[in-house]
Structures are given as C-alpha cells and as structure tokens.
Amino acid sequence: MRSVRQCSRTACTHAAVATLTYVYADSTAVLGPLAQHAEPHSYDLCAQHAEGLTAPRGWEVVRLTPAFEEPAPSADDLSALAEAVREAGRVRQEPAGEPSSVTETARRGHLRVLREAD
C-alpha cells in the first residue's frame, strides 16, 4: 500500500518518496528511498524537493537512488477507495434514544444522572 506520509518541507502537501538523513560526523547528507518508518532525525521529501536538494558548502550529498517518482496507485489503493465509497453510501440508523420513562435529574460535566419514572 502507498505511503500516506507527506513531505517534511513547510507548506508542501505532496506525498513523500524519499528520506533524507544527515551524518554530521562526515558532513554528509544521505538521500535514499522512503524509509519503512518515520524516524525523528530524518526528513521525508517529495520528488520535487528530493531532486532539488542541495547541501551546505563543504558537505557531500549521497544519492542512493538517481531519480524519485511518486508510485502509481496500486490495487490496494483502489480497493481502499472502493470500500470508502461503499461505506459512505450505507444507510446509517440513528442511535436509539432513551425510553420516554427515563428523565435526566442532574448533570456534572459530560455525566448525567438518569431516573426511571415509577
């Protein structure tokens, strides 16, 4: 299934396709395929930001993949979309209210005290 992680760059809403990690000891920025899991000290980038990545003067950029592209929709994506459409089209029944013989006598925050009429 396709990743739902977004690019880490501010105001970018594109899907992430690459992961950027810095190796400070070697003054190296490593740009590779999207990592399985989001790590706190790495950055997910979209194809546009991955292609335009530059490093500070004196740093080296190591690209593990020459080009990054957004993957095409898979069968899993299409199945998930079809299931979401089916779910949205289902008729929902309203939850049953309280019986008419029950009255609210007090309330504290989100809690209610209910009494059944004798």
C-alpha atoms as a PDB file:
ATOM      1  CA  MET A   1       0.000   0.000   0.000  1.00  0.00           C
ATOM      2  CA  ARG A   2       1.185   3.503  -0.788  1.00  0.00           C
ATOM      3  CA  SER A   3       2.609   5.746   1.901  1.00  0.00           C
ATOM      4  CA  VAL A   4       0.457   8.494   3.330  1.00  0.00           C
ATOM      5  CA  ARG A   5       3.394  10.399   4.773  1.00  0.00           C
ATOM      6  CA  GLN A   6       3.798  13.920   3.500  1.00  0.00           C
ATOM      7  CA  CYS A   7       6.862  15.929   2.578  1.00  0.00           C
ATOM      8  CA  SER A   8       8.591  17.442   5.633  1.00  0.00           C
ATOM      9  CA  ARG A   9       9.150  20.787   3.922  1.00  0.00           C
ATOM     10  CA  THR A  10       6.969  23.601   5.238  1.00  0.00           C
ATOM     11  CA  ALA A  11       3.687  24.100   3.339  1.00  0.00           C
ATOM     12  CA  CYS A  12       4.342  21.157   0.982  1.00  0.00           C
ATOM     13  CA  THR A  13       1.383  18.789   0.730  1.00  0.00           C
ATOM     14  CA  HIS A  14       2.847  16.275  -1.712  1.00  0.00           C
ATOM     15  CA  ALA A  15       3.414  12.624  -0.795  1.00  0.00           C
ATOM     16  CA  ALA A  16       6.882  11.711   0.431  1.00  0.00           C
ATOM     17  CA  VAL A  17       9.015   9.498  -1.832  1.00  0.00           C
ATOM     18  CA  ALA A  18      12.496   9.860  -0.287  1.00  0.00           C
ATOM     19  CA  THR A  19      14.125  10.066   3.139  1.00  0.00           C
ATOM     20  CA  LEU A  20      16.924  12.500   3.973  1.00  0.00           C
ATOM     21  CA  THR A  21      19.329  11.745   6.797  1.00  0.00           C
ATOM     22  CA  TYR A  22      22.331  13.772   7.925  1.00  0.00           C
ATOM     23  CA  VAL A  23      25.638  12.255   9.045  1.00  0.00           C
ATOM     24  CA  TYR A  24      27.121  15.200  10.903  1.00  0.00           C
ATOM     25  CA  ALA A  25      30.437  13.498  11.687  1.00  0.00           C
ATOM     26  CA  ASP A  26      31.153  13.067   7.954  1.00  0.00           C
ATOM     27  CA  SER A  27      29.428  16.283   6.770  1.00  0.00           C
ATOM     28  CA  THR A  28      27.224  14.160   4.536  1.00  0.00           C
ATOM     29  CA  ALA A  29      23.534  14.283   3.600  1.00  0.00           C
ATOM     30  CA  VAL A  30      22.197  10.867   2.548  1.00  0.00           C
ATOM     31  CA  LEU A  31      19.115  10.830   0.321  1.00  0.00           C
ATOM     32  CA  GLY A  32      17.545   7.437  -0.259  1.00  0.00           C
ATOM     33  CA  PRO A  33      14.214   5.722  -0.869  1.00  0.00           C
ATOM     34  CA  LEU A  34      11.397   6.345   1.591  1.00  0.00           C
ATOM     35  CA  ALA A  35      12.124   4.610   4.887  1.00  0.00           C
ATOM     36  CA  GLN A  36       9.673   1.997   6.204  1.00  0.00           C
ATOM     37  CA  HIS A  37       9.007   4.033   9.346  1.00  0.00           C
ATOM     38  CA  ALA A  38       9.271   7.749  10.076  1.00  0.00           C
ATOM     39  CA  GLU A  39      12.340   8.455  12.211  1.00  0.00           C
ATOM     40  CA  PRO A  40      12.642  11.533  14.431  1.00  0.00           C
ATOM     41  CA  HIS A  41      16.028  12.620  12.992  1.00  0.00           C
ATOM     42  CA  SER A  42      15.255  12.116   9.318  1.00  0.00           C
ATOM     43  CA  TYR A  43      13.162  14.054   6.843  1.00  0.00           C
ATOM     44  CA  ASP A  44      10.677  12.728   4.289  1.00  0.00           C
ATOM     45  CA  LEU A  45      10.760  14.597   0.978  1.00  0.00           C
ATOM     46  CA  CYS A  46       8.524  14.667  -2.102  1.00  0.00           C
ATOM     47  CA  ALA A  47      10.010  14.088  -5.573  1.00  0.00           C
ATOM     48  CA  GLN A  48      10.363  17.812  -6.280  1.00  0.00           C
ATOM     49  CA  HIS A  49      12.243  18.591  -3.062  1.00  0.00           C
ATOM     50  CA  ALA A  50      14.378  15.434  -3.324  1.00  0.00           C
ATOM     51  CA  GLU A  51      15.512  16.386  -6.839  1.00  0.00           C
ATOM     52  CA  GLY A  52      16.307  19.979  -5.856  1.00  0.00           C
ATOM     53  CA  LEU A  53      18.189  19.110  -2.669  1.00  0.00           C
ATOM     54  CA  THR A  54      21.496  20.910  -2.135  1.00  0.00           C
ATOM     55  CA  ALA A  55      23.842  20.679   0.824  1.00  0.00           C
ATOM     56  CA  PRO A  56      25.773  23.422   2.598  1.00  0.00           C
ATOM     57  CA  ARG A  57      29.254  24.316   1.350  1.00  0.00           C
ATOM     58  CA  GLY A  58      31.732  21.608   2.331  1.00  0.00           C
ATOM     59  CA  TRP A  59      29.043  18.938   2.656  1.00  0.00           C
ATOM     60  CA  GLU A  60      28.561  15.996   0.330  1.00  0.00           C
ATOM     61  CA  VAL A  61      25.199  14.692  -0.880  1.00  0.00           C
ATOM     62  CA  VAL A  62      24.975  10.919  -1.353  1.00  0.00           C
ATOM     63  CA  ARG A  63      22.010   9.916  -3.520  1.00  0.00           C
ATOM     64  CA  LEU A  64      21.189   6.226  -3.161  1.00  0.00           C
ATOM     65  CA  THR A  65      18.583   6.417  -5.943  1.00  0.00           C
ATOM     66  CA  PRO A  66      19.176   8.532  -9.071  1.00  0.00           C
ATOM     67  CA  ALA A  67      15.520   9.597  -9.528  1.00  0.00           C
ATOM     68  CA  PHE A  68      12.488   9.675  -7.276  1.00  0.00           C
ATOM     69  CA  GLU A  69       8.953   9.289  -8.619  1.00  0.00           C
ATOM     70  CA  GLU A  70       5.601   9.024  -6.943  1.00  0.00           C
ATOM     71  CA  PRO A  71       4.337   5.445  -7.248  1.00  0.00           C
ATOM     72  CA  ALA A  72       1.232   4.780  -9.310  1.00  0.00           C
ATOM     73  CA  PRO A  73      -1.935   3.731  -7.467  1.00  0.00           C
ATOM     74  CA  SER A  74      -1.840   0.059  -6.548  1.00  0.00           C
ATOM     75  CA  ALA A  75      -4.659  -2.467  -6.355  1.00  0.00           C
ATOM     76  CA  ASP A  76      -4.705  -1.922  -2.582  1.00  0.00           C
ATOM     77  CA  ASP A  77      -5.308   1.796  -3.089  1.00  0.00           C
ATOM     78  CA  LEU A  78      -8.183   1.129  -5.461  1.00  0.00           C
ATOM     79  CA  SER A  79      -9.719  -1.428  -3.083  1.00  0.00           C
ATOM     80  CA  ALA A  80      -9.487   1.033  -0.189  1.00  0.00           C
ATOM     81  CA  LEU A  81     -11.133   3.741  -2.290  1.00  0.00           C
ATOM     82  CA  ALA A  82     -13.965   1.393  -3.330  1.00  0.00           C
ATOM     83  CA  GLU A  83     -14.533   0.365   0.298  1.00  0.00           C
ATOM     84  CA  ALA A  84     -14.647   4.029   1.396  1.00  0.00           C
ATOM     85  CA  VAL A  85     -17.275   4.771  -1.266  1.00  0.00           C
ATOM     86  CA  ARG A  86     -19.338   1.746  -0.160  1.00  0.00           C
ATOM     87  CA  GLU A  87     -19.119   2.835   3.486  1.00  0.00           C
ATOM     88  CA  ALA A  88     -20.197   6.392   2.640  1.00  0.00           C
ATOM     89  CA  GLY A  89     -23.232   5.054   0.741  1.00  0.00           C
ATOM     90  CA  ARG A  90     -24.513   2.859   3.563  1.00  0.00           C
ATOM     91  CA  VAL A  91     -27.647   3.994   5.346  1.00  0.00           C
ATOM     92  CA  ARG A  92     -26.902   4.722   8.958  1.00  0.00           C
ATOM     93  CA  GLN A  93     -29.505   4.102  11.601  1.00  0.00           C
ATOM     94  CA  GLU A  94     -29.904   6.749  14.246  1.00  0.00           C
ATOM     95  CA  PRO A  95     -28.917   5.521  17.692  1.00  0.00           C
ATOM     96  CA  ALA A  96     -31.856   4.678  19.889  1.00  0.00           C
ATOM     97  CA  GLY A  97     -32.686   7.449  22.334  1.00  0.00           C
ATOM     98  CA  GLU A  98     -33.609   6.977  25.927  1.00  0.00           C
ATOM     99  CA  PRO A  99     -37.000   5.472  26.674  1.00  0.00           C
ATOM    100  CA  SER A 100     -39.737   8.009  27.473  1.00  0.00           C
ATOM    101  CA  SER A 101     -39.880   6.688  31.046  1.00  0.00           C
ATOM    102  CA  VAL A 102     -36.312   7.940  31.753  1.00  0.00           C
ATOM    103  CA  THR A 103     -35.684  11.543  32.820  1.00  0.00           C
ATOM    104  CA  GLU A 104     -32.458  13.429  33.459  1.00  0.00           C
ATOM    105  CA  THR A 105     -32.256  14.686  37.044  1.00  0.00           C
ATOM    106  CA  ALA A 106     -28.730  16.119  37.250  1.00  0.00           C
ATOM    107  CA  ARG A 107     -25.644  16.776  35.138  1.00  0.00           C
ATOM    108  CA  ARG A 108     -21.966  17.159  36.026  1.00  0.00           C
ATOM    109  CA  GLY A 109     -19.726  17.806  33.030  1.00  0.00           C
ATOM    110  CA  HIS A 110     -20.389  15.092  30.486  1.00  0.00           C
ATOM    111  CA  LEU A 111     -22.017  12.767  33.048  1.00  0.00           C
ATOM    112  CA  ARG A 112     -25.777  12.613  33.528  1.00  0.00           C
ATOM    113  CA  VAL A 113     -27.935  11.187  36.295  1.00  0.00           C
ATOM    114  CA  LEU A 114     -30.966   9.387  34.867  1.00  0.00           C
ATOM    115  CA  ARG A 115     -34.014   8.230  36.788  1.00  0.00           C
ATOM    116  CA  GLU A 116     -36.690   5.922  35.586  1.00  0.00           C
ATOM    117  CA  ALA A 117     -40.194   7.162  36.324  1.00  0.00           C
ATOM    118  CA  ASP A 118     -42.121   4.897  38.651  1.00  0.00           C
END
